[in-house]
C-alpha atoms as a PDB file:
ATOM      1  CA  MET A   1      -9.102 -29.990 -75.856  1.00  0.00           C
ATOM      2  CA  MET A   2      -7.299 -27.298 -73.883  1.00  0.00           C
ATOM      3  CA  GLU A   3     -10.165 -24.912 -74.492  1.00  0.00           C
ATOM      4  CA  GLU A   4     -12.671 -27.428 -73.015  1.00  0.00           C
ATOM      5  CA  VAL A   5     -10.527 -27.895 -69.909  1.00  0.00           C
ATOM      6  CA  MET A   6     -10.269 -24.123 -69.408  1.00  0.00           C
ATOM      7  CA  GLU A   7     -14.040 -23.783 -69.778  1.00  0.00           C
ATOM      8  CA  VAL A   8     -14.600 -26.506 -67.131  1.00  0.00           C
ATOM      9  CA  LYS A   9     -12.208 -24.755 -64.716  1.00  0.00           C
ATOM     10  CA  GLU A  10     -13.840 -21.381 -65.265  1.00  0.00           C
ATOM     11  CA  THR A  11     -17.262 -22.925 -64.756  1.00  0.00           C
ATOM     12  CA  SER A  12     -16.184 -24.638 -61.512  1.00  0.00           C
ATOM     13  CA  ILE A  13     -14.624 -21.420 -60.192  1.00  0.00           C
ATOM     14  CA  ASN A  14     -17.581 -19.266 -61.142  1.00  0.00           C
ATOM     15  CA  THR A  15     -20.124 -21.662 -59.687  1.00  0.00           C
ATOM     16  CA  TYR A  16     -18.297 -22.128 -56.319  1.00  0.00           C
ATOM     17  CA  ASN A  17     -20.334 -20.693 -53.466  1.00  0.00           C
ATOM     18  CA  PRO A  18     -19.418 -21.372 -49.811  1.00  0.00           C
ATOM     19  CA  ASN A  19     -23.050 -20.918 -48.832  1.00  0.00           C
ATOM     20  CA  ASN A  20     -23.919 -24.078 -50.740  1.00  0.00           C
ATOM     21  CA  TYR A  21     -21.943 -26.208 -48.228  1.00  0.00           C
ATOM     22  CA  GLU A  22     -23.116 -27.083 -44.735  1.00  0.00           C
ATOM     23  CA  ARG A  23     -20.967 -25.683 -41.931  1.00  0.00           C
ATOM     24  CA  ALA A  24     -19.855 -27.945 -39.100  1.00  0.00           C
ATOM     25  CA  THR A  25     -21.085 -27.069 -35.630  1.00  0.00           C
ATOM     26  CA  ILE A  26     -18.920 -27.014 -32.512  1.00  0.00           C
ATOM     27  CA  GLU A  27     -20.983 -29.888 -31.137  1.00  0.00           C
ATOM     28  CA  GLU A  28     -19.798 -32.043 -34.062  1.00  0.00           C
ATOM     29  CA  TYR A  29     -16.215 -31.426 -32.910  1.00  0.00           C
ATOM     30  CA  GLY A  30     -17.044 -32.881 -29.485  1.00  0.00           C
ATOM     31  CA  TYR A  31     -17.891 -29.706 -27.589  1.00  0.00           C
ATOM     32  CA  LYS A  32     -20.455 -30.066 -24.835  1.00  0.00           C
ATOM     33  CA  GLU A  33     -21.990 -27.105 -23.074  1.00  0.00           C
ATOM     34  CA  HIS A  34     -22.181 -27.792 -19.348  1.00  0.00           C
ATOM     35  CA  LYS A  35     -24.848 -25.325 -18.302  1.00  0.00           C
ATOM     36  CA  GLY A  36     -25.154 -26.864 -14.861  1.00  0.00           C
ATOM     37  CA  LEU A  37     -21.437 -26.477 -14.166  1.00  0.00           C
ATOM     38  CA  LYS A  38     -21.447 -22.884 -15.423  1.00  0.00           C
ATOM     39  CA  LEU A  39     -24.361 -21.981 -13.182  1.00  0.00           C
ATOM     40  CA  THR A  40     -22.719 -23.694 -10.206  1.00  0.00           C
ATOM     41  CA  TRP A  41     -19.404 -21.909 -10.797  1.00  0.00           C
ATOM     42  CA  ASN A  42     -21.134 -18.518 -11.082  1.00  0.00           C
ATOM     43  CA  ILE A  43     -22.888 -19.067  -7.770  1.00  0.00           C
ATOM     44  CA  VAL A  44     -19.766 -20.389  -6.032  1.00  0.00           C
ATOM     45  CA  SER A  45     -17.575 -17.537  -7.337  1.00  0.00           C
ATOM     46  CA  LYS A  46     -20.036 -14.919  -6.093  1.00  0.00           C
ATOM     47  CA  VAL A  47     -20.324 -16.611  -2.703  1.00  0.00           C
ATOM     48  CA  LEU A  48     -16.520 -16.755  -2.396  1.00  0.00           C
ATOM     49  CA  LEU A  49     -16.261 -13.073  -3.351  1.00  0.00           C
ATOM     50  CA  VAL A  50     -18.816 -12.046  -0.731  1.00  0.00           C
ATOM     51  CA  PHE A  51     -17.095 -14.248   1.851  1.00  0.00           C
ATOM     52  CA  ALA A  52     -13.660 -12.769   1.079  1.00  0.00           C
ATOM     53  CA  VAL A  53     -14.967  -9.185   1.332  1.00  0.00           C
ATOM     54  CA  PHE A  54     -16.798 -10.048   4.531  1.00  0.00           C
ATOM     55  CA  MET A  55     -13.669 -11.540   6.118  1.00  0.00           C
ATOM     56  CA  LEU A  56     -11.585  -8.519   5.103  1.00  0.00           C
ATOM     57  CA  TYR A  57     -13.968  -6.010   6.645  1.00  0.00           C
ATOM     58  CA  PHE A  58     -15.443  -8.130   9.448  1.00  0.00           C
ATOM     59  CA  SER A  59     -13.053  -6.749  12.065  1.00  0.00           C
ATOM     60  CA  VAL A  60     -13.677  -3.173  10.895  1.00  0.00           C
ATOM     61  CA  ILE A  61     -17.434  -3.715  11.162  1.00  0.00           C
ATOM     62  CA  ILE A  62     -17.107  -5.187  14.665  1.00  0.00           C
ATOM     63  CA  ILE A  63     -15.016  -2.215  15.839  1.00  0.00           C
ATOM     64  CA  ALA A  64     -17.515   0.204  14.281  1.00  0.00           C
ATOM     65  CA  ILE A  65     -20.410  -1.513  16.076  1.00  0.00           C
ATOM     66  CA  GLN A  66     -18.491  -1.557  19.350  1.00  0.00           C
ATOM     67  CA  SER A  67     -17.788   2.174  19.045  1.00  0.00           C
ATOM     68  CA  PHE A  68     -21.538   2.820  19.480  1.00  0.00           C
ATOM     69  CA  ASN A  69     -21.907   0.425  22.411  1.00  0.00           C
ATOM     70  CA  ALA A  70     -23.068   2.045  25.640  1.00  0.00           C
ATOM     71  CA  SER A  71     -21.350  -0.700  27.655  1.00  0.00           C
ATOM     72  CA  ASP A  72     -17.621  -1.095  28.237  1.00  0.00           C
ATOM     73  CA  SER A  73     -17.967  -4.852  27.803  1.00  0.00           C
ATOM     74  CA  THR A  74     -17.016  -6.382  24.452  1.00  0.00           C
ATOM     75  CA  THR A  75     -19.369  -9.355  24.889  1.00  0.00           C
ATOM     76  CA  GLU A  76     -22.702  -7.541  25.101  1.00  0.00           C
ATOM     77  CA  PHE A  77     -24.371  -4.594  23.405  1.00  0.00           C
ATOM     78  CA  THR A  78     -26.483  -2.722  25.955  1.00  0.00           C
ATOM     79  CA  GLY A  79     -27.444   0.341  23.946  1.00  0.00           C
ATOM     80  CA  PHE A  80     -26.642   2.732  21.097  1.00  0.00           C
ATOM     81  CA  THR A  81     -24.715   5.891  21.951  1.00  0.00           C
ATOM     82  CA  PHE A  82     -22.418   8.534  20.460  1.00  0.00           C
ATOM     83  CA  ALA A  83     -20.825   9.258  23.834  1.00  0.00           C
ATOM     84  CA  ASN A  84     -17.727   7.208  22.986  1.00  0.00           C
ATOM     85  CA  TYR A  85     -16.830   9.646  20.211  1.00  0.00           C
ATOM     86  CA  GLY A  86     -17.076  12.563  22.594  1.00  0.00           C
ATOM     87  CA  ASN A  87     -15.013  10.793  25.248  1.00  0.00           C
ATOM     88  CA  MET A  88     -12.293   9.311  23.060  1.00  0.00           C
ATOM     89  CA  PHE A  89      -9.830  12.098  23.937  1.00  0.00           C
ATOM     90  CA  THR A  90     -10.591  12.222  27.661  1.00  0.00           C
ATOM     91  CA  LYS A  91      -8.055   9.553  28.655  1.00  0.00           C
ATOM     92  CA  THR A  92      -4.598  11.082  29.114  1.00  0.00           C
ATOM     93  CA  THR A  93      -2.557   7.972  28.372  1.00  0.00           C
ATOM     94  CA  LEU A  94      -4.552   7.320  25.170  1.00  0.00           C
ATOM     95  CA  ASN A  95      -4.052  10.907  24.030  1.00  0.00           C
ATOM     96  CA  GLU A  96      -0.315  10.587  24.573  1.00  0.00           C
ATOM     97  CA  ALA A  97      -0.224   7.324  22.644  1.00  0.00           C
ATOM     98  CA  ILE A  98      -2.136   8.840  19.709  1.00  0.00           C
ATOM     99  CA  PHE A  99       0.111  11.914  19.695  1.00  0.00           C
ATOM    100  CA  ASN A 100       3.244   9.742  19.843  1.00  0.00           C
ATOM    101  CA  THR A 101       1.960   7.604  16.984  1.00  0.00           C
ATOM    102  CA  PHE A 102       1.319  10.566  14.690  1.00  0.00           C
ATOM    103  CA  LYS A 103       4.585  12.261  15.689  1.00  0.00           C
ATOM    104  CA  THR A 104       6.680   9.150  15.069  1.00  0.00           C
ATOM    105  CA  SER A 105       4.952   8.193  11.817  1.00  0.00           C
ATOM    106  CA  ILE A 106       4.988  11.695  10.319  1.00  0.00           C
ATOM    107  CA  MET A 107       8.618  12.381  11.184  1.00  0.00           C
ATOM    108  CA  ALA A 108       9.762   8.929  10.056  1.00  0.00           C
ATOM    109  CA  THR A 109       7.824   9.239   6.794  1.00  0.00           C
ATOM    110  CA  ILE A 110       9.214  12.690   5.964  1.00  0.00           C
ATOM    111  CA  ILE A 111      12.814  11.689   6.691  1.00  0.00           C
ATOM    112  CA  ALA A 112      12.481   8.355   4.877  1.00  0.00           C
ATOM    113  CA  THR A 113      10.847  10.037   1.868  1.00  0.00           C
ATOM    114  CA  VAL A 114      13.695  12.539   1.479  1.00  0.00           C
ATOM    115  CA  ILE A 115      16.419   9.904   1.910  1.00  0.00           C
ATOM    116  CA  GLY A 116      14.584   7.277  -0.168  1.00  0.00           C
ATOM    117  CA  THR A 117      14.002   9.692  -3.046  1.00  0.00           C
ATOM    118  CA  LEU A 118      17.676  10.640  -3.185  1.00  0.00           C
ATOM    119  CA  VAL A 119      18.743   6.984  -2.923  1.00  0.00           C
ATOM    120  CA  GLY A 120      16.318   5.973  -5.677  1.00  0.00           C
ATOM    121  CA  ILE A 121      17.545   8.723  -8.004  1.00  0.00           C
ATOM    122  CA  GLY A 122      21.178   7.887  -7.275  1.00  0.00           C
ATOM    123  CA  ALA A 123      20.636   4.154  -7.721  1.00  0.00           C
ATOM    124  CA  PHE A 124      19.076   4.730 -11.134  1.00  0.00           C
ATOM    125  CA  PHE A 125      22.284   6.290 -12.487  1.00  0.00           C
ATOM    126  CA  LEU A 126      24.593   3.609 -11.036  1.00  0.00           C
ATOM    127  CA  PRO A 127      26.222   0.926 -13.226  1.00  0.00           C
ATOM    128  CA  PRO A 128      24.039  -2.184 -13.587  1.00  0.00           C
ATOM    129  CA  LYS A 129      26.071  -4.353 -11.185  1.00  0.00           C
ATOM    130  CA  LEU A 130      26.155  -1.765  -8.419  1.00  0.00           C
ATOM    131  CA  LYS A 131      22.476  -1.029  -8.987  1.00  0.00           C
ATOM    132  CA  ALA A 132      21.615  -4.736  -8.613  1.00  0.00           C
ATOM    133  CA  ARG A 133      23.628  -4.970  -5.377  1.00  0.00           C
ATOM    134  CA  LEU A 134      21.980  -1.868  -3.940  1.00  0.00           C
ATOM    135  CA  THR A 135      18.540  -3.206  -4.860  1.00  0.00           C
ATOM    136  CA  LEU A 136      19.378  -6.474  -3.107  1.00  0.00           C
ATOM    137  CA  LEU A 137      20.428  -4.630   0.054  1.00  0.00           C
ATOM    138  CA  ASN A 138      17.282  -2.513  -0.154  1.00  0.00           C
ATOM    139  CA  ASN A 139      15.082  -5.614  -0.262  1.00  0.00           C
ATOM    140  CA  ILE A 140      16.582  -7.244   2.853  1.00  0.00           C
ATOM    141  CA  PRO A 141      14.401  -5.263   5.332  1.00  0.00           C
ATOM    142  CA  LEU A 142      11.349  -6.205   3.270  1.00  0.00           C
ATOM    143  CA  LEU A 143      12.159  -9.921   3.358  1.00  0.00           C
ATOM    144  CA  ASN A 144      12.975  -9.992   7.066  1.00  0.00           C
ATOM    145  CA  ALA A 145      10.211 -10.865   9.485  1.00  0.00           C
ATOM    146  CA  ASP A 146       9.140  -7.952  11.673  1.00  0.00           C
ATOM    147  CA  ILE A 147      10.180  -9.750  14.833  1.00  0.00           C
ATOM    148  CA  VAL A 148      13.678 -10.378  13.418  1.00  0.00           C
ATOM    149  CA  THR A 149      14.007  -6.704  12.463  1.00  0.00           C
ATOM    150  CA  GLY A 150      12.752  -5.574  15.861  1.00  0.00           C
ATOM    151  CA  ILE A 151      15.059  -7.834  17.877  1.00  0.00           C
ATOM    152  CA  SER A 152      18.055  -6.980  15.666  1.00  0.00           C
ATOM    153  CA  LEU A 153      17.549  -3.258  16.133  1.00  0.00           C
ATOM    154  CA  MET A 154      16.982  -3.743  19.863  1.00  0.00           C
ATOM    155  CA  LEU A 155      20.342  -5.539  20.156  1.00  0.00           C
ATOM    156  CA  ILE A 156      22.076  -2.786  18.186  1.00  0.00           C
ATOM    157  CA  PHE A 157      20.584  -0.052  20.376  1.00  0.00           C
ATOM    158  CA  SER A 158      21.494  -2.072  23.492  1.00  0.00           C
ATOM    159  CA  LEU A 159      25.177  -1.629  22.615  1.00  0.00           C
ATOM    160  CA  LEU A 160      24.741   2.088  23.310  1.00  0.00           C
ATOM    161  CA  LEU A 161      23.335   1.587  26.815  1.00  0.00           C
ATOM    162  CA  PRO A 162      26.756   2.128  28.496  1.00  0.00           C
ATOM    163  CA  ILE A 163      26.798   5.577  26.877  1.00  0.00           C
ATOM    164  CA  ASN A 164      23.177   6.468  27.650  1.00  0.00           C
ATOM    165  CA  ASN A 165      20.992   4.418  30.006  1.00  0.00           C
ATOM    166  CA  HIS A 166      17.838   6.112  28.689  1.00  0.00           C
ATOM    167  CA  ILE A 167      18.513   5.650  25.000  1.00  0.00           C
ATOM    168  CA  PHE A 168      15.361   3.616  24.383  1.00  0.00           C
ATOM    169  CA  GLY A 169      12.382   5.824  23.627  1.00  0.00           C
ATOM    170  CA  PHE A 170      11.421   8.277  20.912  1.00  0.00           C
ATOM    171  CA  TRP A 171      14.732   8.331  19.047  1.00  0.00           C
ATOM    172  CA  THR A 172      15.178   4.569  18.906  1.00  0.00           C
ATOM    173  CA  ILE A 173      11.659   3.939  17.652  1.00  0.00           C
ATOM    174  CA  LEU A 174      12.024   6.786  15.145  1.00  0.00           C
ATOM    175  CA  ILE A 175      15.256   5.327  13.725  1.00  0.00           C
ATOM    176  CA  ALA A 176      13.657   1.875  13.625  1.00  0.00           C
ATOM    177  CA  HIS A 177      10.657   3.174  11.678  1.00  0.00           C
ATOM    178  CA  ILE A 178      12.895   5.011   9.210  1.00  0.00           C
ATOM    179  CA  TYR A 179      14.884   1.814   8.721  1.00  0.00           C
ATOM    180  CA  PHE A 180      11.996  -0.454   7.759  1.00  0.00           C
ATOM    181  CA  ILE A 181       9.913   2.025   5.705  1.00  0.00           C
ATOM    182  CA  LEU A 182      12.846   3.404   3.694  1.00  0.00           C
ATOM    183  CA  PRO A 183      12.872   0.474   1.187  1.00  0.00           C
ATOM    184  CA  TYR A 184       9.248   1.172   0.222  1.00  0.00           C
ATOM    185  CA  ILE A 185      10.166   4.703  -0.844  1.00  0.00           C
ATOM    186  CA  VAL A 186      13.107   3.477  -2.914  1.00  0.00           C
ATOM    187  CA  LEU A 187      10.987   0.825  -4.617  1.00  0.00           C
ATOM    188  CA  SER A 188       8.349   3.435  -5.458  1.00  0.00           C
ATOM    189  CA  VAL A 189      10.873   5.894  -6.922  1.00  0.00           C
ATOM    190  CA  LEU A 190      12.902   3.502  -9.104  1.00  0.00           C
ATOM    191  CA  PRO A 191      10.036   2.485 -11.477  1.00  0.00           C
ATOM    192  CA  LYS A 192       9.171   6.150 -12.018  1.00  0.00           C
ATOM    193  CA  MET A 193      12.790   6.913 -12.857  1.00  0.00           C
ATOM    194  CA  LYS A 194      12.618   4.297 -15.619  1.00  0.00           C
ATOM    195  CA  GLU A 195       9.668   6.097 -17.194  1.00  0.00           C
ATOM    196  CA  ILE A 196      11.368   9.483 -17.642  1.00  0.00           C
ATOM    197  CA  ASP A 197      13.896  10.480 -20.272  1.00  0.00           C
ATOM    198  CA  PRO A 198      17.377   9.503 -18.992  1.00  0.00           C
ATOM    199  CA  ASN A 199      18.844  12.552 -20.726  1.00  0.00           C
ATOM    200  CA  MET A 200      16.649  14.972 -18.771  1.00  0.00           C
ATOM    201  CA  LEU A 201      19.252  15.536 -16.051  1.00  0.00           C
ATOM    202  CA  ASP A 202      22.079  16.015 -18.578  1.00  0.00           C
ATOM    203  CA  ALA A 203      19.965  18.529 -20.491  1.00  0.00           C
ATOM    204  CA  SER A 204      19.353  20.605 -17.358  1.00  0.00           C
ATOM    205  CA  LEU A 205      23.065  20.516 -16.499  1.00  0.00           C
ATOM    206  CA  ASP A 206      23.939  21.658 -20.037  1.00  0.00           C
ATOM    207  CA  LEU A 207      21.626  24.634 -19.541  1.00  0.00           C
ATOM    208  CA  GLY A 208      23.712  25.745 -16.567  1.00  0.00           C
ATOM    209  CA  ILE A 209      21.570  24.483 -13.666  1.00  0.00           C
ATOM    210  CA  LYS A 210      23.525  23.168 -10.690  1.00  0.00           C
ATOM    211  CA  PRO A 211      23.274  19.384  -9.986  1.00  0.00           C
ATOM    212  CA  PHE A 212      21.276  19.587  -6.741  1.00  0.00           C
ATOM    213  CA  LYS A 213      18.917  22.174  -8.186  1.00  0.00           C
ATOM    214  CA  SER A 214      18.457  19.963 -11.258  1.00  0.00           C
ATOM    215  CA  VAL A 215      17.408  17.085  -9.036  1.00  0.00           C
ATOM    216  CA  VAL A 216      14.951  19.242  -7.076  1.00  0.00           C
ATOM    217  CA  LYS A 217      13.529  21.262  -9.983  1.00  0.00           C
ATOM    218  CA  VAL A 218      13.650  18.699 -12.801  1.00  0.00           C
ATOM    219  CA  LEU A 219      13.720  15.094 -11.582  1.00  0.00           C
ATOM    220  CA  VAL A 220      11.553  15.355  -8.459  1.00  0.00           C
ATOM    221  CA  PRO A 221       8.539  16.895 -10.288  1.00  0.00           C
ATOM    222  CA  ALA A 222       8.857  14.199 -12.955  1.00  0.00           C
ATOM    223  CA  ILE A 223       8.649  11.374 -10.400  1.00  0.00           C
ATOM    224  CA  LYS A 224       6.289  13.011  -7.897  1.00  0.00           C
ATOM    225  CA  GLY A 225       3.680  10.294  -8.471  1.00  0.00           C
ATOM    226  CA  GLY A 226       6.060   7.576  -7.282  1.00  0.00           C
ATOM    227  CA  ILE A 227       7.227   9.706  -4.353  1.00  0.00           C
ATOM    228  CA  PHE A 228       3.650  10.343  -3.227  1.00  0.00           C
ATOM    229  CA  SER A 229       2.615   6.684  -3.488  1.00  0.00           C
ATOM    230  CA  GLY A 230       5.698   5.632  -1.521  1.00  0.00           C
ATOM    231  CA  LEU A 231       5.004   8.312   1.090  1.00  0.00           C
ATOM    232  CA  VAL A 232       1.427   7.123   1.641  1.00  0.00           C
ATOM    233  CA  LEU A 233       2.502   3.478   1.841  1.00  0.00           C
ATOM    234  CA  ALA A 234       5.352   4.278   4.239  1.00  0.00           C
ATOM    235  CA  PHE A 235       3.091   6.324   6.521  1.00  0.00           C
ATOM    236  CA  THR A 236       0.480   3.563   6.616  1.00  0.00           C
ATOM    237  CA  ILE A 237       3.052   0.897   7.499  1.00  0.00           C
ATOM    238  CA  SER A 238       4.681   3.106  10.140  1.00  0.00           C
ATOM    239  CA  PHE A 239       1.346   4.089  11.686  1.00  0.00           C
ATOM    240  CA  GLU A 240       0.130   0.514  12.126  1.00  0.00           C
ATOM    241  CA  ASP A 241       3.463  -0.968  13.246  1.00  0.00           C
ATOM    242  CA  PHE A 242       3.562  -2.846  16.531  1.00  0.00           C
ATOM    243  CA  VAL A 243       6.299  -5.506  16.517  1.00  0.00           C
ATOM    244  CA  VAL A 244       9.295  -3.318  15.625  1.00  0.00           C
ATOM    245  CA  GLY A 245       8.068  -0.497  17.843  1.00  0.00           C
ATOM    246  CA  TYR A 246       7.489  -2.855  20.774  1.00  0.00           C
ATOM    247  CA  PHE A 247      11.126  -4.028  20.763  1.00  0.00           C
ATOM    248  CA  THR A 248      12.700  -0.604  20.189  1.00  0.00           C
ATOM    249  CA  THR A 249      10.666   1.647  22.488  1.00  0.00           C
ATOM    250  CA  GLY A 250      11.172   2.295  26.172  1.00  0.00           C
ATOM    251  CA  ASN A 251      11.016   4.783  29.055  1.00  0.00           C
ATOM    252  CA  GLY A 252       7.221   4.952  28.885  1.00  0.00           C
ATOM    253  CA  TYR A 253       7.076   6.033  25.235  1.00  0.00           C
ATOM    254  CA  ASN A 254       4.022   4.227  23.846  1.00  0.00           C
ATOM    255  CA  THR A 255       2.422   4.346  20.434  1.00  0.00           C
ATOM    256  CA  LEU A 256      -1.242   3.505  19.926  1.00  0.00           C
ATOM    257  CA  SER A 257      -0.632  -0.156  19.052  1.00  0.00           C
ATOM    258  CA  ILE A 258       1.658  -0.639  22.073  1.00  0.00           C
ATOM    259  CA  TRP A 259      -0.866   1.103  24.342  1.00  0.00           C
ATOM    260  CA  ILE A 260      -3.658  -1.186  23.105  1.00  0.00           C
ATOM    261  CA  TYR A 261      -1.457  -4.244  23.638  1.00  0.00           C
ATOM    262  CA  SER A 262      -0.721  -3.170  27.205  1.00  0.00           C
ATOM    263  CA  SER A 263      -4.483  -2.863  27.837  1.00  0.00           C
ATOM    264  CA  ILE A 264      -5.430  -6.284  26.454  1.00  0.00           C
ATOM    265  CA  GLY A 265      -5.042  -7.968  29.843  1.00  0.00           C
ATOM    266  CA  LYS A 266      -7.867  -5.885  31.254  1.00  0.00           C
ATOM    267  CA  LYS A 267     -11.463  -7.108  31.206  1.00  0.00           C
ATOM    268  CA  SER A 268     -12.539  -4.332  28.869  1.00  0.00           C
ATOM    269  CA  LEU A 269     -10.788  -1.842  26.618  1.00  0.00           C
ATOM    270  CA  PHE A 270     -11.455   1.874  26.803  1.00  0.00           C
ATOM    271  CA  PRO A 271     -14.382   2.489  24.366  1.00  0.00           C
ATOM    272  CA  GLY A 272     -12.691   5.607  23.016  1.00  0.00           C
ATOM    273  CA  VAL A 273     -10.209   3.347  21.206  1.00  0.00           C
ATOM    274  CA  TYR A 274     -13.025   1.875  19.109  1.00  0.00           C
ATOM    275  CA  ALA A 275     -14.380   5.345  18.373  1.00  0.00           C
ATOM    276  CA  PHE A 276     -10.960   6.647  17.357  1.00  0.00           C
ATOM    277  CA  SER A 277     -10.287   3.616  15.124  1.00  0.00           C
ATOM    278  CA  THR A 278     -13.673   3.974  13.405  1.00  0.00           C
ATOM    279  CA  ALA A 279     -13.220   7.725  12.893  1.00  0.00           C
ATOM    280  CA  LEU A 280      -9.754   7.113  11.444  1.00  0.00           C
ATOM    281  CA  THR A 281     -11.138   4.506   9.030  1.00  0.00           C
ATOM    282  CA  VAL A 282     -13.924   6.846   7.882  1.00  0.00           C
ATOM    283  CA  LEU A 283     -11.444   9.676   7.311  1.00  0.00           C
ATOM    284  CA  ALA A 284      -9.203   7.353   5.284  1.00  0.00           C
ATOM    285  CA  ILE A 285     -12.148   6.280   3.098  1.00  0.00           C
ATOM    286  CA  ILE A 286     -13.170   9.913   2.545  1.00  0.00           C
ATOM    287  CA  ALA A 287      -9.580  10.840   1.639  1.00  0.00           C
ATOM    288  CA  ILE A 288      -9.394   8.004  -0.906  1.00  0.00           C
ATOM    289  CA  ILE A 289     -12.715   9.025  -2.476  1.00  0.00           C
ATOM    290  CA  ILE A 290     -11.651  12.683  -2.716  1.00  0.00           C
ATOM    291  CA  TYR A 291      -8.296  11.677  -4.227  1.00  0.00           C
ATOM    292  CA  ASN A 292      -9.962   9.505  -6.883  1.00  0.00           C
ATOM    293  CA  VAL A 293     -12.496  12.211  -7.731  1.00  0.00           C
ATOM    294  CA  VAL A 294      -9.818  14.891  -8.082  1.00  0.00           C
ATOM    295  CA  LYS A 295      -7.609  12.550 -10.086  1.00  0.00           C
ATOM    296  CA  GLY A 296     -10.502  11.707 -12.413  1.00  0.00           C
ATOM    297  CA  ARG A 297     -11.289  15.381 -12.979  1.00  0.00           C
ATOM    298  CA  ILE A 298      -7.656  16.148 -13.780  1.00  0.00           C
ATOM    299  CA  LYS A 299      -7.585  13.312 -16.308  1.00  0.00           C
ATOM    300  CA  ASN A 300     -10.806  14.552 -17.925  1.00  0.00           C
ATOM    301  CA  GLU A 301      -9.447  18.092 -18.164  1.00  0.00           C
ATOM    302  CA  LYS A 302      -6.271  16.820 -19.815  1.00  0.00           C
ATOM    303  CA  ALA A 303      -8.316  14.696 -22.224  1.00  0.00           C
ATOM    304  CA  ASP A 304     -10.481  17.700 -23.167  1.00  0.00           C
ATOM    305  CA  ARG A 305      -7.389  19.721 -24.002  1.00  0.00           C
END
C-alpha cells in the first residue's frame, strides 16, 4: 500500500508542469488601462513644463530683445541695432554703478569665503551640542527676510553716526554683504567636511605639520569642491542684491541694482543697461557650459585610468 502511495506522489510530481495552467491577467484582478487619461496627462505635463520654462526665462528674453531696440522706449520696437552694446559703457553713472557692484561683490565674496571656510572647518570639530548651536546661529541670516536684515544692519550702523557722519557707503554695504553671504559658505563647507576622513588632520599633525599649515595644505584641498560651490553661490547672491544694499549704502555709493531702481521713475531706462544685462547672461551661460565640459573631461580621464 505504501509503495502505491509513493508511486502516485512521484507521478504527480513528475507530471506537474506550470505551463499546463492558465495564468491570470491583470485585467482579471480589476486593472483598467486608462489610455485617454495617460494621453491627457502626457500632454498636460509637457504643456506645464514649457510654460514653467517660458515663465522662468520670459524676463531674460524680453531684456535680450530690448537690448537690440533702436528706440529708448520700452513699449515699442522701432528697429534692430547693435549700437546699445557699443554705448553701454558711455554713461558715467552706470559705469560707476557696475564698477561698485563688481568691487563690492568680489571683495565680500573673498572675505566671506576665507572666514566661512575657517568657520566650517572649526564647526566640524566642535562637540555635537556646540556644533548644533553654531549651525542654528548660522541659519538665522538665511531665515530672515532681506528687508529685516537690511533695516537691522542700517540701525546698527546708525549707532556709529555720532563717531562718523559719513559712515554709510562702501564699508557699510561691504560688511552687510559679508554678513548675509557668509552662511552660504559655511553650509557648503560642512557637508564636504563630513565626506573626508576625520583622522586626516590628526595624521598631518602627527607627521610634524603645524596646525594652520595642515588646514591650508590638507583640509582645504580636500574640500575645495564645497568651497568653490559656496563661492559661486555667494558671489551670485551678492551681485544681485538690492534690498540689503539699499538700506546700508549712502553718500552716493550705488550698485547696479540701486542705480536701476533710482532710474525707474524716468520714462525710459538707458538702453545700455539691457545690453549689459544680456551680455552678462550670455557670459554666465558660456562659463557654465565650459565648466561642465571641463568637468566631464576630467571625469572621463579619471575613469580611463
